[in-house]
Amino acid sequence: MFDIGFSELIVIGIVALLVLGPERLPKVARTTGHLLGRLQRYVSDVKSDINREMQLDELKKLQEEARQSAMAFESSVRSEMAGVEGGVTATLQSASSAVADLENSLKTPADAVEAVGHDAAAAQLDRQLAEAEGHAGPPAFAAGVTPESTAESAPVPDTQLGLDFSTAPSEPKNPKS
């Protein structure tokens, strides 16, 4: 610390022995040792306090950086949520307008049919049925065989799972009466 060599310490010890005498020299040496020990402890405490303050400042800086990054993340999440909500709202509005348009288009032909009348609607359905039969292709039955001829030649009972559906259902029995 002071760059004092061993020979210099011996010279200082001899001078102290001559000045203080052999009776007081051990007390002075002990007191000087205690004071030097206290001085070293005080210096080490000051150093550790300074180191703790520096670490505390670094931790505060890290905490502030973490807080700022968390706030930035929160704001980005909020903005994304607002964008998603806006998109969902726009989609919902477009879907509801499409449903309203579809309802209006379904109501309009029904109003037109009522305005034309039931006879005109029946005539239109007959025309559409005739067009469908024209596009259907060959007849479903073979030549010479008609549904009437098959019904006359071989009557087939209308049963399914052992039940006969060819007869009219009987009156249901009402248990309350």
N, C-alpha and C. Protein backbone atom coordinates (compact mmCIF):
# COMPACT_ATOMS: atom_id res chain seq x y z
N MET A 1 0.82 -1.19 0.00
CA MET A 1 0.00 0.00 0.00
C MET A 1 0.87 1.26 0.00
N PHE A 2 1.82 1.34 0.92
CA PHE A 2 2.72 2.50 0.94
C PHE A 2 4.06 2.18 0.32
N ASP A 3 4.25 0.97 -0.13
CA ASP A 3 5.49 0.52 -0.75
C ASP A 3 6.70 0.69 0.19
N ILE A 4 6.55 0.06 1.35
CA ILE A 4 7.63 0.11 2.35
C ILE A 4 8.26 -1.28 2.40
N GLY A 5 9.57 -1.33 2.31
CA GLY A 5 10.27 -2.60 2.34
C GLY A 5 10.56 -3.05 3.77
N PHE A 6 11.15 -4.27 3.91
CA PHE A 6 11.42 -4.85 5.22
C PHE A 6 12.50 -4.05 5.96
N SER A 7 13.49 -3.63 5.27
CA SER A 7 14.59 -2.88 5.90
C SER A 7 14.07 -1.54 6.43
N GLU A 8 13.15 -0.93 5.73
CA GLU A 8 12.59 0.34 6.19
C GLU A 8 11.74 0.12 7.44
N LEU A 9 11.03 -1.01 7.53
CA LEU A 9 10.26 -1.31 8.72
C LEU A 9 11.16 -1.52 9.94
N ILE A 10 12.30 -2.13 9.76
CA ILE A 10 13.23 -2.35 10.86
C ILE A 10 13.75 -1.00 11.36
N VAL A 11 14.05 -0.09 10.48
CA VAL A 11 14.53 1.25 10.87
C VAL A 11 13.44 1.97 11.66
N ILE A 12 12.18 1.88 11.20
CA ILE A 12 11.08 2.55 11.89
C ILE A 12 10.89 1.92 13.27
N GLY A 13 10.99 0.61 13.39
CA GLY A 13 10.86 -0.08 14.68
C GLY A 13 11.94 0.34 15.65
N ILE A 14 13.17 0.46 15.21
CA ILE A 14 14.28 0.87 16.08
C ILE A 14 14.07 2.30 16.56
N VAL A 15 13.65 3.19 15.69
CA VAL A 15 13.40 4.58 16.08
C VAL A 15 12.25 4.64 17.08
N ALA A 16 11.18 3.85 16.87
CA ALA A 16 10.05 3.84 17.78
C ALA A 16 10.48 3.29 19.14
N LEU A 17 11.34 2.30 19.19
CA LEU A 17 11.82 1.74 20.44
C LEU A 17 12.62 2.77 21.20
N LEU A 18 13.41 3.54 20.52
CA LEU A 18 14.22 4.57 21.17
C LEU A 18 13.35 5.73 21.66
N VAL A 19 12.35 6.11 20.88
CA VAL A 19 11.53 7.26 21.25
C VAL A 19 10.52 6.87 22.33
N LEU A 20 9.83 5.74 22.17
CA LEU A 20 8.76 5.37 23.08
C LEU A 20 9.27 4.57 24.29
N GLY A 21 10.25 3.88 24.12
CA GLY A 21 10.77 3.05 25.19
C GLY A 21 10.17 1.67 25.15
N PRO A 22 10.81 0.72 25.85
CA PRO A 22 10.36 -0.66 25.81
C PRO A 22 9.03 -0.88 26.54
N GLU A 23 8.61 0.00 27.45
CA GLU A 23 7.37 -0.21 28.19
C GLU A 23 6.14 0.19 27.37
N ARG A 24 6.21 1.27 26.65
CA ARG A 24 5.04 1.76 25.91
C ARG A 24 4.97 1.24 24.48
N LEU A 25 6.05 0.70 23.97
CA LEU A 25 6.07 0.24 22.58
C LEU A 25 5.05 -0.87 22.31
N PRO A 26 4.86 -1.90 23.16
CA PRO A 26 3.85 -2.92 22.86
C PRO A 26 2.42 -2.36 22.82
N LYS A 27 2.09 -1.41 23.75
CA LYS A 27 0.77 -0.80 23.75
C LYS A 27 0.53 -0.01 22.46
N VAL A 28 1.51 0.75 22.08
CA VAL A 28 1.38 1.56 20.86
C VAL A 28 1.27 0.66 19.63
N ALA A 29 2.02 -0.41 19.59
CA ALA A 29 1.96 -1.33 18.45
C ALA A 29 0.58 -2.00 18.38
N ARG A 30 0.04 -2.42 19.57
CA ARG A 30 -1.28 -3.03 19.60
C ARG A 30 -2.35 -2.02 19.15
N THR A 31 -2.31 -0.82 19.64
CA THR A 31 -3.27 0.21 19.27
C THR A 31 -3.17 0.53 17.79
N THR A 32 -1.97 0.61 17.29
CA THR A 32 -1.78 0.88 15.86
C THR A 32 -2.33 -0.26 15.02
N GLY A 33 -2.16 -1.49 15.46
CA GLY A 33 -2.71 -2.64 14.75
C GLY A 33 -4.24 -2.61 14.73
N HIS A 34 -4.84 -2.27 15.89
CA HIS A 34 -6.31 -2.16 15.94
C HIS A 34 -6.81 -1.06 15.02
N LEU A 35 -6.13 0.07 15.04
CA LEU A 35 -6.56 1.19 14.18
C LEU A 35 -6.42 0.83 12.70
N LEU A 36 -5.34 0.16 12.34
CA LEU A 36 -5.17 -0.25 10.94
C LEU A 36 -6.24 -1.28 10.54
N GLY A 37 -6.59 -2.18 11.46
CA GLY A 37 -7.65 -3.16 11.19
C GLY A 37 -9.01 -2.48 10.97
N ARG A 38 -9.29 -1.51 11.85
CA ARG A 38 -10.55 -0.76 11.70
C ARG A 38 -10.56 0.00 10.38
N LEU A 39 -9.43 0.59 10.05
CA LEU A 39 -9.35 1.35 8.79
C LEU A 39 -9.58 0.42 7.59
N GLN A 40 -9.02 -0.77 7.63
CA GLN A 40 -9.21 -1.72 6.52
C GLN A 40 -10.67 -2.18 6.45
N ARG A 41 -11.30 -2.45 7.61
CA ARG A 41 -12.71 -2.84 7.61
C ARG A 41 -13.59 -1.70 7.07
N TYR A 42 -13.27 -0.48 7.49
CA TYR A 42 -14.06 0.66 7.03
C TYR A 42 -13.93 0.82 5.50
N VAL A 43 -12.74 0.67 4.99
CA VAL A 43 -12.51 0.79 3.55
C VAL A 43 -13.25 -0.34 2.81
N SER A 44 -13.21 -1.55 3.34
CA SER A 44 -13.90 -2.67 2.67
C SER A 44 -15.42 -2.47 2.74
N ASP A 45 -15.95 -1.93 3.87
CA ASP A 45 -17.39 -1.64 3.96
C ASP A 45 -17.80 -0.58 2.94
N VAL A 46 -16.98 0.44 2.79
CA VAL A 46 -17.29 1.49 1.81
C VAL A 46 -17.28 0.90 0.40
N LYS A 47 -16.31 0.06 0.12
CA LYS A 47 -16.25 -0.58 -1.20
C LYS A 47 -17.49 -1.44 -1.45
N SER A 48 -17.89 -2.24 -0.46
CA SER A 48 -19.06 -3.11 -0.65
C SER A 48 -20.34 -2.28 -0.79
N ASP A 49 -20.45 -1.16 -0.04
CA ASP A 49 -21.61 -0.28 -0.19
C ASP A 49 -21.67 0.31 -1.59
N ILE A 50 -20.53 0.72 -2.10
CA ILE A 50 -20.49 1.29 -3.45
C ILE A 50 -20.87 0.22 -4.48
N ASN A 51 -20.36 -0.99 -4.30
CA ASN A 51 -20.71 -2.09 -5.22
C ASN A 51 -22.21 -2.39 -5.16
N ARG A 52 -22.79 -2.42 -3.94
CA ARG A 52 -24.23 -2.66 -3.82
C ARG A 52 -25.04 -1.55 -4.49
N GLU A 53 -24.63 -0.32 -4.32
CA GLU A 53 -25.34 0.79 -4.97
C GLU A 53 -25.26 0.67 -6.49
N MET A 54 -24.10 0.28 -7.00
CA MET A 54 -23.96 0.11 -8.46
C MET A 54 -24.86 -1.03 -8.94
N GLN A 55 -24.88 -2.14 -8.21
CA GLN A 55 -25.74 -3.25 -8.59
C GLN A 55 -27.21 -2.87 -8.49
N LEU A 56 -27.58 -2.09 -7.46
CA LEU A 56 -28.95 -1.64 -7.31
C LEU A 56 -29.35 -0.74 -8.48
N ASP A 57 -28.44 0.14 -8.90
CA ASP A 57 -28.72 0.99 -10.06
C ASP A 57 -28.91 0.15 -11.32
N GLU A 58 -28.06 -0.86 -11.49
CA GLU A 58 -28.19 -1.74 -12.65
C GLU A 58 -29.52 -2.50 -12.62
N LEU A 59 -29.91 -2.97 -11.42
CA LEU A 59 -31.19 -3.67 -11.30
C LEU A 59 -32.37 -2.74 -11.59
N LYS A 60 -32.27 -1.49 -11.14
CA LYS A 60 -33.33 -0.53 -11.44
C LYS A 60 -33.43 -0.28 -12.93
N LYS A 61 -32.27 -0.19 -13.59
CA LYS A 61 -32.28 0.00 -15.05
C LYS A 61 -32.91 -1.21 -15.75
N LEU A 62 -32.53 -2.41 -15.31
CA LEU A 62 -33.11 -3.63 -15.89
C LEU A 62 -34.61 -3.70 -15.64
N GLN A 63 -35.02 -3.30 -14.44
CA GLN A 63 -36.45 -3.31 -14.11
C GLN A 63 -37.20 -2.32 -15.00
N GLU A 64 -36.64 -1.17 -15.21
CA GLU A 64 -37.28 -0.17 -16.07
C GLU A 64 -37.35 -0.65 -17.52
N GLU A 65 -36.29 -1.28 -17.99
CA GLU A 65 -36.30 -1.83 -19.34
C GLU A 65 -37.36 -2.92 -19.48
N ALA A 66 -37.45 -3.78 -18.46
CA ALA A 66 -38.47 -4.84 -18.50
C ALA A 66 -39.86 -4.24 -18.47
N ARG A 67 -40.06 -3.20 -17.67
CA ARG A 67 -41.37 -2.55 -17.60
C ARG A 67 -41.72 -1.92 -18.94
N GLN A 68 -40.75 -1.27 -19.57
CA GLN A 68 -41.01 -0.65 -20.88
C GLN A 68 -41.32 -1.70 -21.94
N SER A 69 -40.58 -2.81 -21.93
CA SER A 69 -40.86 -3.85 -22.92
C SER A 69 -42.22 -4.50 -22.66
N ALA A 70 -42.61 -4.65 -21.40
CA ALA A 70 -43.92 -5.20 -21.09
C ALA A 70 -45.02 -4.25 -21.55
N MET A 71 -44.82 -2.96 -21.36
CA MET A 71 -45.82 -1.98 -21.82
C MET A 71 -45.91 -1.97 -23.34
N ALA A 72 -44.77 -2.08 -24.01
CA ALA A 72 -44.79 -2.12 -25.47
C ALA A 72 -45.51 -3.38 -25.95
N PHE A 73 -45.25 -4.49 -25.30
CA PHE A 73 -45.93 -5.75 -25.67
C PHE A 73 -47.43 -5.62 -25.43
N GLU A 74 -47.81 -5.04 -24.30
CA GLU A 74 -49.23 -4.88 -23.99
C GLU A 74 -49.91 -3.98 -25.01
N SER A 75 -49.25 -2.90 -25.39
CA SER A 75 -49.86 -2.00 -26.38
C SER A 75 -49.97 -2.69 -27.74
N SER A 76 -48.98 -3.49 -28.11
CA SER A 76 -49.09 -4.20 -29.39
C SER A 76 -50.21 -5.23 -29.35
N VAL A 77 -50.37 -5.92 -28.22
CA VAL A 77 -51.46 -6.89 -28.09
C VAL A 77 -52.80 -6.18 -28.15
N ARG A 78 -52.91 -5.04 -27.47
CA ARG A 78 -54.17 -4.28 -27.50
C ARG A 78 -54.48 -3.81 -28.92
N SER A 79 -53.48 -3.34 -29.65
CA SER A 79 -53.73 -2.88 -31.01
C SER A 79 -54.13 -4.04 -31.91
N GLU A 80 -53.50 -5.20 -31.74
CA GLU A 80 -53.89 -6.37 -32.52
C GLU A 80 -55.31 -6.81 -32.19
N MET A 81 -55.66 -6.76 -30.90
CA MET A 81 -57.02 -7.13 -30.50
C MET A 81 -58.03 -6.15 -31.10
N ALA A 82 -57.69 -4.87 -31.11
CA ALA A 82 -58.60 -3.88 -31.71
C ALA A 82 -58.76 -4.16 -33.20
N GLY A 83 -57.67 -4.52 -33.87
CA GLY A 83 -57.75 -4.85 -35.29
C GLY A 83 -58.61 -6.08 -35.53
N VAL A 84 -58.44 -7.10 -34.70
CA VAL A 84 -59.24 -8.32 -34.85
C VAL A 84 -60.71 -8.02 -34.58
N GLU A 85 -60.98 -7.23 -33.53
CA GLU A 85 -62.37 -6.87 -33.23
C GLU A 85 -62.99 -6.09 -34.38
N GLY A 86 -62.21 -5.17 -34.97
CA GLY A 86 -62.72 -4.42 -36.12
C GLY A 86 -63.01 -5.33 -37.29
N GLY A 87 -62.12 -6.29 -37.54
CA GLY A 87 -62.34 -7.24 -38.64
C GLY A 87 -63.57 -8.11 -38.39
N VAL A 88 -63.72 -8.57 -37.15
CA VAL A 88 -64.89 -9.40 -36.83
C VAL A 88 -66.17 -8.58 -36.96
N THR A 89 -66.13 -7.33 -36.51
CA THR A 89 -67.31 -6.47 -36.61
C THR A 89 -67.67 -6.23 -38.07
N ALA A 90 -66.66 -5.96 -38.90
CA ALA A 90 -66.93 -5.74 -40.32
C ALA A 90 -67.49 -7.00 -40.97
N THR A 91 -66.92 -8.15 -40.63
CA THR A 91 -67.41 -9.41 -41.18
C THR A 91 -68.83 -9.68 -40.73
N LEU A 92 -69.11 -9.41 -39.46
CA LEU A 92 -70.45 -9.61 -38.93
C LEU A 92 -71.45 -8.69 -39.62
N GLN A 93 -71.07 -7.44 -39.86
CA GLN A 93 -71.96 -6.51 -40.55
C GLN A 93 -72.21 -6.95 -41.98
N SER A 94 -71.15 -7.39 -42.66
CA SER A 94 -71.34 -7.83 -44.05
C SER A 94 -72.20 -9.09 -44.10
N ALA A 95 -72.01 -9.99 -43.12
CA ALA A 95 -72.83 -11.21 -43.09
C ALA A 95 -74.29 -10.87 -42.79
N SER A 96 -74.52 -9.94 -41.86
CA SER A 96 -75.91 -9.59 -41.55
C SER A 96 -76.56 -8.87 -42.73
N SER A 97 -75.79 -8.06 -43.47
CA SER A 97 -76.37 -7.41 -44.65
C SER A 97 -76.65 -8.46 -45.74
N ALA A 98 -75.78 -9.46 -45.86
CA ALA A 98 -76.02 -10.52 -46.85
C ALA A 98 -77.26 -11.33 -46.47
N VAL A 99 -77.44 -11.59 -45.18
CA VAL A 99 -78.63 -12.32 -44.74
C VAL A 99 -79.88 -11.49 -45.00
N ALA A 100 -79.79 -10.18 -44.73
CA ALA A 100 -80.94 -9.31 -44.99
C ALA A 100 -81.27 -9.28 -46.48
N ASP A 101 -80.23 -9.20 -47.33
CA ASP A 101 -80.46 -9.24 -48.78
C ASP A 101 -81.10 -10.56 -49.20
N LEU A 102 -80.63 -11.66 -48.63
CA LEU A 102 -81.18 -12.97 -48.96
C LEU A 102 -82.64 -13.06 -48.51
N GLU A 103 -82.94 -12.54 -47.33
CA GLU A 103 -84.33 -12.54 -46.87
C GLU A 103 -85.20 -11.71 -47.79
N ASN A 104 -84.68 -10.55 -48.22
CA ASN A 104 -85.45 -9.70 -49.14
C ASN A 104 -85.67 -10.39 -50.48
N SER A 105 -84.64 -11.09 -50.96
CA SER A 105 -84.79 -11.77 -52.24
C SER A 105 -85.76 -12.95 -52.13
N LEU A 106 -85.82 -13.60 -50.96
CA LEU A 106 -86.76 -14.69 -50.77
C LEU A 106 -88.19 -14.17 -50.62
N LYS A 107 -88.35 -13.01 -50.01
CA LYS A 107 -89.68 -12.43 -49.83
C LYS A 107 -90.22 -11.90 -51.15
N THR A 108 -89.37 -11.37 -52.01
CA THR A 108 -89.80 -10.77 -53.26
C THR A 108 -90.45 -11.79 -54.20
N PRO A 109 -89.88 -12.98 -54.45
CA PRO A 109 -90.57 -13.94 -55.31
C PRO A 109 -91.89 -14.40 -54.70
N ALA A 110 -91.98 -14.52 -53.40
CA ALA A 110 -93.23 -14.93 -52.79
C ALA A 110 -94.30 -13.86 -53.02
N ASP A 111 -93.92 -12.60 -52.92
CA ASP A 111 -94.87 -11.51 -53.19
C ASP A 111 -95.28 -11.53 -54.65
N ALA A 112 -94.33 -11.83 -55.54
CA ALA A 112 -94.64 -11.84 -56.97
C ALA A 112 -95.59 -12.99 -57.29
N VAL A 113 -95.43 -14.13 -56.63
CA VAL A 113 -96.31 -15.27 -56.88
C VAL A 113 -97.72 -14.93 -56.42
N GLU A 114 -97.84 -14.27 -55.27
CA GLU A 114 -99.16 -13.88 -54.79
C GLU A 114 -99.79 -12.87 -55.73
N ALA A 115 -98.99 -11.97 -56.31
CA ALA A 115 -99.51 -10.96 -57.21
C ALA A 115 -99.98 -11.59 -58.52
N VAL A 116 -99.25 -12.59 -59.02
CA VAL A 116 -99.61 -13.22 -60.28
C VAL A 116 -100.86 -14.07 -60.10
N GLY A 117 -100.95 -14.76 -58.99
CA GLY A 117 -102.12 -15.59 -58.72
C GLY A 117 -101.75 -17.06 -58.72
N HIS A 118 -102.62 -17.82 -58.13
CA HIS A 118 -102.34 -19.24 -58.01
C HIS A 118 -102.42 -19.96 -59.36
N ASP A 119 -103.30 -19.54 -60.23
CA ASP A 119 -103.42 -20.19 -61.55
C ASP A 119 -102.15 -19.98 -62.36
N ALA A 120 -101.59 -18.78 -62.32
CA ALA A 120 -100.38 -18.50 -63.08
C ALA A 120 -99.21 -19.29 -62.50
N ALA A 121 -99.16 -19.42 -61.19
CA ALA A 121 -98.10 -20.18 -60.56
C ALA A 121 -98.21 -21.65 -60.93
N ALA A 122 -99.44 -22.17 -60.97
CA ALA A 122 -99.64 -23.57 -61.35
C ALA A 122 -99.23 -23.79 -62.80
N ALA A 123 -99.54 -22.83 -63.68
CA ALA A 123 -99.15 -22.95 -65.08
C ALA A 123 -97.63 -22.92 -65.21
N GLN A 124 -96.99 -22.05 -64.44
CA GLN A 124 -95.53 -21.96 -64.49
C GLN A 124 -94.92 -23.26 -63.99
N LEU A 125 -95.43 -23.85 -62.94
CA LEU A 125 -94.91 -25.13 -62.44
C LEU A 125 -95.12 -26.24 -63.47
N ASP A 126 -96.26 -26.24 -64.19
CA ASP A 126 -96.50 -27.24 -65.23
C ASP A 126 -95.46 -27.11 -66.34
N ARG A 127 -95.15 -25.85 -66.72
CA ARG A 127 -94.14 -25.64 -67.77
C ARG A 127 -92.77 -26.14 -67.31
N GLN A 128 -92.41 -25.84 -66.07
CA GLN A 128 -91.12 -26.30 -65.56
C GLN A 128 -91.06 -27.81 -65.48
N LEU A 129 -92.16 -28.46 -65.12
CA LEU A 129 -92.21 -29.91 -65.07
C LEU A 129 -92.07 -30.51 -66.46
N ALA A 130 -92.69 -29.89 -67.44
CA ALA A 130 -92.58 -30.38 -68.81
C ALA A 130 -91.15 -30.24 -69.31
N GLU A 131 -90.49 -29.13 -68.98
CA GLU A 131 -89.08 -28.94 -69.38
C GLU A 131 -88.21 -29.99 -68.72
N ALA A 132 -88.45 -30.29 -67.45
CA ALA A 132 -87.65 -31.26 -66.73
C ALA A 132 -87.83 -32.65 -67.33
N GLU A 133 -89.06 -33.00 -67.71
CA GLU A 133 -89.29 -34.30 -68.33
C GLU A 133 -88.62 -34.38 -69.69
N GLY A 134 -88.55 -33.24 -70.40
CA GLY A 134 -87.89 -33.22 -71.70
C GLY A 134 -86.39 -33.44 -71.57
N HIS A 135 -85.81 -32.99 -70.49
CA HIS A 135 -84.37 -33.16 -70.28
C HIS A 135 -84.03 -34.44 -69.54
N ALA A 136 -85.02 -35.19 -69.10
CA ALA A 136 -84.78 -36.36 -68.27
C ALA A 136 -84.19 -37.53 -69.05
N GLY A 137 -84.43 -37.63 -70.31
CA GLY A 137 -83.86 -38.73 -71.08
C GLY A 137 -84.90 -39.79 -71.37
N PRO A 138 -84.49 -41.09 -71.55
CA PRO A 138 -85.42 -42.16 -71.91
C PRO A 138 -86.39 -42.44 -70.76
N PRO A 139 -87.56 -43.04 -71.10
CA PRO A 139 -88.54 -43.34 -70.05
C PRO A 139 -88.00 -44.38 -69.08
N ALA A 140 -88.53 -44.37 -67.87
CA ALA A 140 -88.04 -45.25 -66.82
C ALA A 140 -88.47 -46.69 -67.02
N PHE A 141 -89.60 -46.96 -67.76
CA PHE A 141 -90.08 -48.32 -67.96
C PHE A 141 -89.71 -48.80 -69.34
N ALA A 142 -89.54 -50.12 -69.47
CA ALA A 142 -89.20 -50.71 -70.77
C ALA A 142 -90.40 -50.60 -71.70
N ALA A 143 -90.15 -50.74 -73.00
CA ALA A 143 -91.22 -50.61 -73.99
C ALA A 143 -92.27 -51.68 -73.78
N GLY A 144 -93.54 -51.28 -73.76
CA GLY A 144 -94.64 -52.21 -73.61
C GLY A 144 -94.98 -52.51 -72.18
N VAL A 145 -94.17 -52.14 -71.24
CA VAL A 145 -94.46 -52.41 -69.85
C VAL A 145 -94.80 -51.08 -69.19
N THR A 146 -95.99 -51.03 -68.66
CA THR A 146 -96.43 -49.80 -67.99
C THR A 146 -96.71 -50.11 -66.54
N PRO A 147 -96.75 -49.12 -65.73
CA PRO A 147 -97.03 -49.39 -64.31
C PRO A 147 -98.40 -50.01 -64.11
N GLU A 148 -99.38 -49.71 -64.99
CA GLU A 148 -100.70 -50.29 -64.82
C GLU A 148 -100.68 -51.79 -65.12
N SER A 149 -99.92 -52.20 -66.15
CA SER A 149 -99.89 -53.62 -66.52
C SER A 149 -99.18 -54.44 -65.45
N THR A 150 -98.17 -53.90 -64.81
CA THR A 150 -97.48 -54.65 -63.76
C THR A 150 -98.34 -54.76 -62.53
N ALA A 151 -99.16 -53.75 -62.25
CA ALA A 151 -100.02 -53.81 -61.08
C ALA A 151 -101.12 -54.82 -61.27
N GLU A 152 -101.63 -54.99 -62.51
CA GLU A 152 -102.70 -55.93 -62.76
C GLU A 152 -102.20 -57.37 -62.78
N SER A 153 -100.99 -57.57 -63.28
CA SER A 153 -100.50 -58.93 -63.44
C SER A 153 -100.04 -59.55 -62.13
N ALA A 154 -99.35 -58.81 -61.27
CA ALA A 154 -98.84 -59.40 -60.04
C ALA A 154 -99.02 -58.42 -58.89
N PRO A 155 -100.09 -58.61 -58.16
CA PRO A 155 -100.26 -57.69 -57.02
C PRO A 155 -99.23 -58.03 -55.93
N VAL A 156 -98.55 -56.99 -55.49
CA VAL A 156 -97.51 -57.16 -54.48
C VAL A 156 -97.98 -56.47 -53.21
N PRO A 157 -98.02 -57.20 -52.11
CA PRO A 157 -98.46 -56.54 -50.87
C PRO A 157 -97.42 -55.51 -50.44
N ASP A 158 -97.91 -54.43 -49.91
CA ASP A 158 -97.04 -53.34 -49.47
C ASP A 158 -96.71 -53.55 -47.99
N THR A 159 -95.73 -54.42 -47.76
CA THR A 159 -95.35 -54.72 -46.38
C THR A 159 -93.89 -54.39 -46.19
N GLN A 160 -93.62 -53.96 -45.04
CA GLN A 160 -92.24 -53.66 -44.70
C GLN A 160 -92.05 -54.00 -43.24
N LEU A 161 -91.08 -54.82 -42.95
CA LEU A 161 -90.80 -55.28 -41.60
C LEU A 161 -92.02 -55.98 -40.97
N GLY A 162 -92.77 -56.66 -41.83
CA GLY A 162 -93.91 -57.41 -41.32
C GLY A 162 -95.14 -56.56 -41.10
N LEU A 163 -95.15 -55.32 -41.54
CA LEU A 163 -96.30 -54.45 -41.38
C LEU A 163 -96.96 -54.23 -42.73
N ASP A 164 -98.27 -54.23 -42.77
CA ASP A 164 -99.00 -54.05 -44.02
C ASP A 164 -99.45 -52.60 -44.10
N PHE A 165 -98.91 -51.88 -45.09
CA PHE A 165 -99.22 -50.47 -45.25
C PHE A 165 -100.27 -50.24 -46.34
N SER A 166 -100.77 -51.27 -46.93
CA SER A 166 -101.71 -51.11 -48.03
C SER A 166 -103.10 -50.77 -47.53
N THR A 167 -103.41 -51.10 -46.33
CA THR A 167 -104.75 -50.81 -45.81
C THR A 167 -104.73 -49.46 -45.12
N ALA A 168 -105.87 -48.86 -45.02
CA ALA A 168 -105.99 -47.56 -44.37
C ALA A 168 -105.79 -47.74 -42.88
N PRO A 169 -105.18 -46.78 -42.23
CA PRO A 169 -104.98 -46.92 -40.78
C PRO A 169 -106.31 -46.83 -40.05
N SER A 170 -106.41 -47.59 -38.97
CA SER A 170 -107.64 -47.58 -38.18
C SER A 170 -107.67 -46.33 -37.33
N GLU A 171 -108.84 -46.03 -36.80
CA GLU A 171 -109.01 -44.85 -35.95
C GLU A 171 -108.14 -45.02 -34.72
N PRO A 172 -107.38 -44.01 -34.36
CA PRO A 172 -106.59 -44.12 -33.14
C PRO A 172 -107.46 -44.11 -31.91
N LYS A 173 -107.11 -44.92 -30.97
CA LYS A 173 -107.91 -45.00 -29.75
C LYS A 173 -107.47 -43.88 -28.82
N ASN A 174 -108.43 -43.14 -28.33
CA ASN A 174 -108.15 -42.03 -27.44
C ASN A 174 -108.38 -42.50 -26.01
N PRO A 175 -107.36 -42.63 -25.18
CA PRO A 175 -107.54 -43.15 -23.82
C PRO A 175 -108.29 -42.19 -22.92
N LYS A 176 -108.34 -40.92 -23.26
CA LYS A 176 -109.00 -39.94 -22.40
C LYS A 176 -110.52 -40.00 -22.53
N SER A 177 -111.07 -40.51 -23.65
CA SER A 177 -112.51 -40.46 -23.84
C SER A 177 -113.22 -41.69 -23.38
